Structures are given as C-alpha cells and as structure tokens.
C-alpha cells in the first residue's frame, strides 16, 4: 500500500456539507417527523420522516470541495471510521466511492475502515454508486459491507392518496428509464 491521499479543497470547518449530499442521506436515514410536508408547496400536505427517526446521528466529515469537485482524503475517511467506532456507533453509512473500474479489496480507505468496523460488530452500509445499470458498475462490493442501490421495475402499483383536506387521488409510482 502506498502513501495516503491527503488532497482536499477549502471548505468551512463544519459537519455540514457544501453540496447537500450528506444532508440528504442523513435525513433519509434518521430525519425527524416533518408535518405539513409538500412538494414545492403545490402537491399534497402530509408527513415526511426518515427511516429511523428516533436513531441518534453522528456525522463525520470526510470530503472537502474545491471548484465543486469532491475530494475525499483517505486519512479523513480512516479517521472518521476510527472516531465512529470509538464513539460506539452501531451502523456506519458511507455514501461515497469511486467510479469503476473497481479497486482490489483492501485497496481503498472505505474498504479498510469497513473491515475494521465489521471486526467490531458494526455494519457499514455503502452506496452502490451512480454508474449503473450495466454489469460491473456497482462500487463498494466488499463481502463485509452492505451495499444499497435504487432501481426501477416494469410494473405500476396504484394506491389511493388521501390529503389532509380529505381529497383522495389515485396515484402510482413514476417509472424512469433511459
């Protein structure tokens, strides 16, 4: 293994991220209940929440931006895994990786950090990436992590949606294909 990648851009020293990706994935995971949620104030008024709204969230910033190009330092990634394990987290969500081709196992800081987490009984949940849907396009494929992806299907599942004013509409999921 060679020297660690220590590149990085200038950004404010805060767990907040500059482009919103970390904020998005955190709210999807553990977002609190948000009453009166709507889509651009136009469609529906309902309640939104993350998958585990009562979970405790710990944030460790590993990517820094310069000229809107993400730079994630290996040293920062490994330090974040170490800090998370020392803080006693139960799950690490690592929504980062690189585009294919895949690196060999143990060649990236995310794989090394996830392996150490697995040894301590902590699961690491990885994003599958944004390079699919073709074969060999999924990133983060180590056997000691859980890789999650979004997908589409060729079916529609209609459902009745009832708004706060008791107006009901039949709706269905959108299917986006390229």
C-alpha atoms as a PDB file:
ATOM      1  CA  UNK A   1       0.000   0.000   0.000  1.00  0.00           C
ATOM      2  CA  UNK A   2       1.326   3.425  -0.925  1.00  0.00           C
ATOM      3  CA  UNK A   3       1.041   6.793   0.798  1.00  0.00           C
ATOM      4  CA  UNK A   4      -2.359   8.091   1.823  1.00  0.00           C
ATOM      5  CA  UNK A   5      -4.170  10.515  -0.449  1.00  0.00           C
ATOM      6  CA  UNK A   6      -4.292  13.781   1.511  1.00  0.00           C
ATOM      7  CA  UNK A   7      -5.749  16.040  -1.197  1.00  0.00           C
ATOM      8  CA  UNK A   8      -8.599  18.267  -0.239  1.00  0.00           C
ATOM      9  CA  UNK A   9     -10.246  21.534  -1.016  1.00  0.00           C
ATOM     10  CA  UNK A  10     -11.062  24.502   1.130  1.00  0.00           C
ATOM     11  CA  UNK A  11     -14.374  24.443   2.897  1.00  0.00           C
ATOM     12  CA  UNK A  12     -15.822  25.604   6.180  1.00  0.00           C
ATOM     13  CA  UNK A  13     -14.929  23.513   9.210  1.00  0.00           C
ATOM     14  CA  UNK A  14     -18.336  22.112   9.980  1.00  0.00           C
ATOM     15  CA  UNK A  15     -20.045  18.734   9.689  1.00  0.00           C
ATOM     16  CA  UNK A  16     -22.375  20.452   7.207  1.00  0.00           C
ATOM     17  CA  UNK A  17     -21.568  19.653   3.589  1.00  0.00           C
ATOM     18  CA  UNK A  18     -21.325  22.174   0.807  1.00  0.00           C
ATOM     19  CA  UNK A  19     -23.362  20.403  -1.871  1.00  0.00           C
ATOM     20  CA  UNK A  20     -26.085  18.796   0.261  1.00  0.00           C
ATOM     21  CA  UNK A  21     -25.381  15.092  -0.346  1.00  0.00           C
ATOM     22  CA  UNK A  22     -24.603  14.264   3.280  1.00  0.00           C
ATOM     23  CA  UNK A  23     -27.598  16.254   4.450  1.00  0.00           C
ATOM     24  CA  UNK A  24     -29.819  14.342   2.028  1.00  0.00           C
ATOM     25  CA  UNK A  25     -28.586  10.886   3.050  1.00  0.00           C
ATOM     26  CA  UNK A  26     -28.739  11.757   6.761  1.00  0.00           C
ATOM     27  CA  UNK A  27     -32.344  12.977   6.541  1.00  0.00           C
ATOM     28  CA  UNK A  28     -33.337   9.873   4.565  1.00  0.00           C
ATOM     29  CA  UNK A  29     -31.849   7.713   7.318  1.00  0.00           C
ATOM     30  CA  UNK A  30     -32.835   9.447  10.543  1.00  0.00           C
ATOM     31  CA  UNK A  31     -34.868  12.528   9.646  1.00  0.00           C
ATOM     32  CA  UNK A  32     -37.316  13.737  12.295  1.00  0.00           C
ATOM     33  CA  UNK A  33     -41.022  13.861  11.613  1.00  0.00           C
ATOM     34  CA  UNK A  34     -41.830  16.884   9.430  1.00  0.00           C
ATOM     35  CA  UNK A  35     -45.556  17.735   9.493  1.00  0.00           C
ATOM     36  CA  UNK A  36     -47.137  19.607   6.566  1.00  0.00           C
ATOM     37  CA  UNK A  37     -44.540  18.355   4.086  1.00  0.00           C
ATOM     38  CA  UNK A  38     -45.300  19.219   0.472  1.00  0.00           C
ATOM     39  CA  UNK A  39     -43.641  19.141  -2.915  1.00  0.00           C
ATOM     40  CA  UNK A  40     -42.753  22.753  -3.785  1.00  0.00           C
ATOM     41  CA  UNK A  41     -45.848  23.888  -1.883  1.00  0.00           C
ATOM     42  CA  UNK A  42     -48.027  22.548  -4.703  1.00  0.00           C
ATOM     43  CA  UNK A  43     -48.708  18.865  -4.178  1.00  0.00           C
ATOM     44  CA  UNK A  44     -50.151  17.394  -1.041  1.00  0.00           C
ATOM     45  CA  UNK A  45     -49.698  18.151   2.588  1.00  0.00           C
ATOM     46  CA  UNK A  46     -48.548  15.207   4.602  1.00  0.00           C
ATOM     47  CA  UNK A  47     -45.907  13.957   6.963  1.00  0.00           C
ATOM     48  CA  UNK A  48     -42.360  13.035   5.996  1.00  0.00           C
ATOM     49  CA  UNK A  49     -39.763  11.287   8.125  1.00  0.00           C
ATOM     50  CA  UNK A  50     -36.549   9.333   7.812  1.00  0.00           C
ATOM     51  CA  UNK A  51     -36.336   5.560   8.086  1.00  0.00           C
ATOM     52  CA  UNK A  52     -35.296   5.602  11.767  1.00  0.00           C
ATOM     53  CA  UNK A  53     -36.366   8.990  13.166  1.00  0.00           C
ATOM     54  CA  UNK A  54     -35.515   8.109  16.770  1.00  0.00           C
ATOM     55  CA  UNK A  55     -31.966   7.000  15.980  1.00  0.00           C
ATOM     56  CA  UNK A  56     -29.026   9.124  17.103  1.00  0.00           C
ATOM     57  CA  UNK A  57     -26.994  10.567  14.241  1.00  0.00           C
ATOM     58  CA  UNK A  58     -23.238  11.066  14.393  1.00  0.00           C
ATOM     59  CA  UNK A  59     -21.632  12.948  11.488  1.00  0.00           C
ATOM     60  CA  UNK A  60     -18.006  12.687  10.421  1.00  0.00           C
ATOM     61  CA  UNK A  61     -16.960  14.903   7.531  1.00  0.00           C
ATOM     62  CA  UNK A  62     -14.513  13.284   5.104  1.00  0.00           C
ATOM     63  CA  UNK A  63     -14.958  15.164   1.811  1.00  0.00           C
ATOM     64  CA  UNK A  64     -13.895  18.719   1.074  1.00  0.00           C
ATOM     65  CA  UNK A  65     -14.816  20.690  -2.023  1.00  0.00           C
ATOM     66  CA  UNK A  66     -12.803  22.988  -4.249  1.00  0.00           C
ATOM     67  CA  UNK A  67     -14.305  24.262  -7.503  1.00  0.00           C
ATOM     68  CA  UNK A  68     -17.319  21.940  -6.935  1.00  0.00           C
ATOM     69  CA  UNK A  69     -15.090  18.862  -7.254  1.00  0.00           C
ATOM     70  CA  UNK A  70     -15.277  16.452  -4.351  1.00  0.00           C
ATOM     71  CA  UNK A  71     -12.005  15.416  -2.767  1.00  0.00           C
ATOM     72  CA  UNK A  72     -12.183  12.748  -0.100  1.00  0.00           C
ATOM     73  CA  UNK A  73      -8.947  12.215   1.768  1.00  0.00           C
ATOM     74  CA  UNK A  74      -8.044   8.636   2.704  1.00  0.00           C
ATOM     75  CA  UNK A  75      -6.691   9.963   6.002  1.00  0.00           C
ATOM     76  CA  UNK A  76     -10.020  11.697   6.769  1.00  0.00           C
ATOM     77  CA  UNK A  77     -12.034   8.591   5.828  1.00  0.00           C
ATOM     78  CA  UNK A  78      -9.966   6.315   8.076  1.00  0.00           C
ATOM     79  CA  UNK A  79     -10.054   8.854  10.922  1.00  0.00           C
ATOM     80  CA  UNK A  80     -13.857   9.036  10.615  1.00  0.00           C
ATOM     81  CA  UNK A  81     -14.166   5.251  10.855  1.00  0.00           C
ATOM     82  CA  UNK A  82     -11.872   5.278  13.911  1.00  0.00           C
ATOM     83  CA  UNK A  83     -13.868   8.084  15.552  1.00  0.00           C
ATOM     84  CA  UNK A  84     -17.202   6.391  14.815  1.00  0.00           C
ATOM     85  CA  UNK A  85     -16.025   3.104  16.323  1.00  0.00           C
ATOM     86  CA  UNK A  86     -14.636   4.866  19.393  1.00  0.00           C
ATOM     87  CA  UNK A  87     -17.944   6.764  19.762  1.00  0.00           C
ATOM     88  CA  UNK A  88     -19.844   3.457  19.795  1.00  0.00           C
ATOM     89  CA  UNK A  89     -21.967   3.786  16.663  1.00  0.00           C
ATOM     90  CA  UNK A  90     -23.998   0.747  15.601  1.00  0.00           C
ATOM     91  CA  UNK A  91     -24.127   1.484  11.855  1.00  0.00           C
ATOM     92  CA  UNK A  92     -21.772   3.419   9.563  1.00  0.00           C
ATOM     93  CA  UNK A  93     -23.368   4.899   6.436  1.00  0.00           C
ATOM     94  CA  UNK A  94     -20.692   5.547   3.821  1.00  0.00           C
ATOM     95  CA  UNK A  95     -22.285   7.115   0.772  1.00  0.00           C
ATOM     96  CA  UNK A  96     -19.059   7.572  -1.131  1.00  0.00           C
ATOM     97  CA  UNK A  97     -16.857   5.680  -3.537  1.00  0.00           C
ATOM     98  CA  UNK A  98     -15.185   5.972  -6.896  1.00  0.00           C
ATOM     99  CA  UNK A  99     -16.267   5.208 -10.421  1.00  0.00           C
ATOM    100  CA  UNK A 100     -15.414   1.836 -11.984  1.00  0.00           C
ATOM    101  CA  UNK A 101     -13.174   0.008 -12.549  1.00  0.00           C
ATOM    102  CA  UNK A 102     -13.212  -1.359  -9.018  1.00  0.00           C
ATOM    103  CA  UNK A 103     -10.076  -1.332  -6.934  1.00  0.00           C
ATOM    104  CA  UNK A 104      -8.922  -4.619  -5.365  1.00  0.00           C
ATOM    105  CA  UNK A 105     -10.246  -5.378  -1.879  1.00  0.00           C
ATOM    106  CA  UNK A 106      -8.262  -3.599   0.846  1.00  0.00           C
ATOM    107  CA  UNK A 107      -7.022  -1.036  -1.695  1.00  0.00           C
ATOM    108  CA  UNK A 108      -9.333   1.769  -0.574  1.00  0.00           C
ATOM    109  CA  UNK A 109      -9.760   3.501   2.745  1.00  0.00           C
ATOM    110  CA  UNK A 110     -13.507   2.752   2.776  1.00  0.00           C
ATOM    111  CA  UNK A 111     -12.844  -0.988   2.451  1.00  0.00           C
ATOM    112  CA  UNK A 112     -10.200  -0.907   5.188  1.00  0.00           C
ATOM    113  CA  UNK A 113     -12.416   1.126   7.530  1.00  0.00           C
ATOM    114  CA  UNK A 114     -15.424  -1.111   6.861  1.00  0.00           C
ATOM    115  CA  UNK A 115     -13.351  -4.224   7.550  1.00  0.00           C
ATOM    116  CA  UNK A 116     -12.281  -2.874  10.933  1.00  0.00           C
ATOM    117  CA  UNK A 117     -15.895  -1.916  11.692  1.00  0.00           C
ATOM    118  CA  UNK A 118     -17.024  -5.457  10.818  1.00  0.00           C
ATOM    119  CA  UNK A 119     -14.402  -6.885  13.175  1.00  0.00           C
ATOM    120  CA  UNK A 120     -16.021  -4.851  15.979  1.00  0.00           C
ATOM    121  CA  UNK A 121     -19.573  -5.907  15.093  1.00  0.00           C
ATOM    122  CA  UNK A 122     -20.520  -2.666  13.323  1.00  0.00           C
ATOM    123  CA  UNK A 123     -22.161  -2.886   9.901  1.00  0.00           C
ATOM    124  CA  UNK A 124     -21.126  -0.451   7.155  1.00  0.00           C
ATOM    125  CA  UNK A 125     -23.832   0.449   4.634  1.00  0.00           C
ATOM    126  CA  UNK A 126     -22.400   1.587   1.300  1.00  0.00           C
ATOM    127  CA  UNK A 127     -23.999   3.280  -1.684  1.00  0.00           C
ATOM    128  CA  UNK A 128     -23.856   1.253  -4.898  1.00  0.00           C
ATOM    129  CA  UNK A 129     -22.884   4.359  -6.867  1.00  0.00           C
ATOM    130  CA  UNK A 130     -24.245   6.312  -9.792  1.00  0.00           C
ATOM    131  CA  UNK A 131     -22.629   4.452 -12.688  1.00  0.00           C
ATOM    132  CA  UNK A 132     -25.160   1.649 -13.354  1.00  0.00           C
ATOM    133  CA  UNK A 133     -27.154  -0.122 -14.591  1.00  0.00           C
ATOM    134  CA  UNK A 134     -24.642  -2.115 -16.644  1.00  0.00           C
ATOM    135  CA  UNK A 135     -22.661  -5.083 -15.351  1.00  0.00           C
ATOM    136  CA  UNK A 136     -19.595  -4.330 -13.217  1.00  0.00           C
ATOM    137  CA  UNK A 137     -20.810  -0.809 -12.473  1.00  0.00           C
ATOM    138  CA  UNK A 138     -21.584  -1.236  -8.763  1.00  0.00           C
ATOM    139  CA  UNK A 139     -18.972   0.145  -6.405  1.00  0.00           C
ATOM    140  CA  UNK A 140     -18.336  -0.929  -2.799  1.00  0.00           C
ATOM    141  CA  UNK A 141     -18.730  -4.689  -3.241  1.00  0.00           C
ATOM    142  CA  UNK A 142     -16.789  -5.985  -0.246  1.00  0.00           C
ATOM    143  CA  UNK A 143     -18.303  -9.021   1.490  1.00  0.00           C
ATOM    144  CA  UNK A 144     -18.097  -7.278   4.895  1.00  0.00           C
ATOM    145  CA  UNK A 145     -20.337  -4.357   3.935  1.00  0.00           C
ATOM    146  CA  UNK A 146     -23.954  -3.927   2.882  1.00  0.00           C
ATOM    147  CA  UNK A 147     -24.269  -2.191  -0.499  1.00  0.00           C
ATOM    148  CA  UNK A 148     -27.590  -0.472  -1.250  1.00  0.00           C
ATOM    149  CA  UNK A 149     -28.916   0.752  -4.600  1.00  0.00           C
ATOM    150  CA  UNK A 150     -32.085   2.200  -6.050  1.00  0.00           C
ATOM    151  CA  UNK A 151     -33.703   0.579  -9.048  1.00  0.00           C
ATOM    152  CA  UNK A 152     -36.841   0.592 -11.144  1.00  0.00           C
ATOM    153  CA  UNK A 153     -39.287  -2.086 -12.216  1.00  0.00           C
ATOM    154  CA  UNK A 154     -41.613  -2.505 -15.174  1.00  0.00           C
ATOM    155  CA  UNK A 155     -44.813  -2.507 -13.110  1.00  0.00           C
ATOM    156  CA  UNK A 156     -47.107   0.090 -11.600  1.00  0.00           C
ATOM    157  CA  UNK A 157     -48.630  -0.110  -8.145  1.00  0.00           C
ATOM    158  CA  UNK A 158     -51.614   2.231  -7.883  1.00  0.00           C
ATOM    159  CA  UNK A 159     -52.700   3.446  -4.487  1.00  0.00           C
ATOM    160  CA  UNK A 160     -55.202   5.909  -3.094  1.00  0.00           C
ATOM    161  CA  UNK A 161     -53.616   9.021  -1.610  1.00  0.00           C
ATOM    162  CA  UNK A 162     -55.756  10.986   0.850  1.00  0.00           C
ATOM    163  CA  UNK A 163     -54.690  14.542   1.608  1.00  0.00           C
ATOM    164  CA  UNK A 164     -55.211  16.466   4.828  1.00  0.00           C
ATOM    165  CA  UNK A 165     -58.403  18.044   3.436  1.00  0.00           C
ATOM    166  CA  UNK A 166     -59.782  14.502   2.764  1.00  0.00           C
ATOM    167  CA  UNK A 167     -59.465  14.868  -1.016  1.00  0.00           C
ATOM    168  CA  UNK A 168     -58.445  11.479  -2.465  1.00  0.00           C
ATOM    169  CA  UNK A 169     -56.496  10.725  -5.628  1.00  0.00           C
ATOM    170  CA  UNK A 170     -55.334   7.519  -7.251  1.00  0.00           C
ATOM    171  CA  UNK A 171     -51.592   7.707  -7.670  1.00  0.00           C
ATOM    172  CA  UNK A 172     -48.814   5.452  -8.827  1.00  0.00           C
ATOM    173  CA  UNK A 173     -45.055   5.419  -8.694  1.00  0.00           C
ATOM    174  CA  UNK A 174     -43.194   7.058 -11.536  1.00  0.00           C
ATOM    175  CA  UNK A 175     -41.031   4.795 -13.660  1.00  0.00           C
ATOM    176  CA  UNK A 176     -37.935   6.455 -15.080  1.00  0.00           C
ATOM    177  CA  UNK A 177     -35.997   4.618 -17.760  1.00  0.00           C
ATOM    178  CA  UNK A 178     -33.306   5.691 -20.156  1.00  0.00           C
END
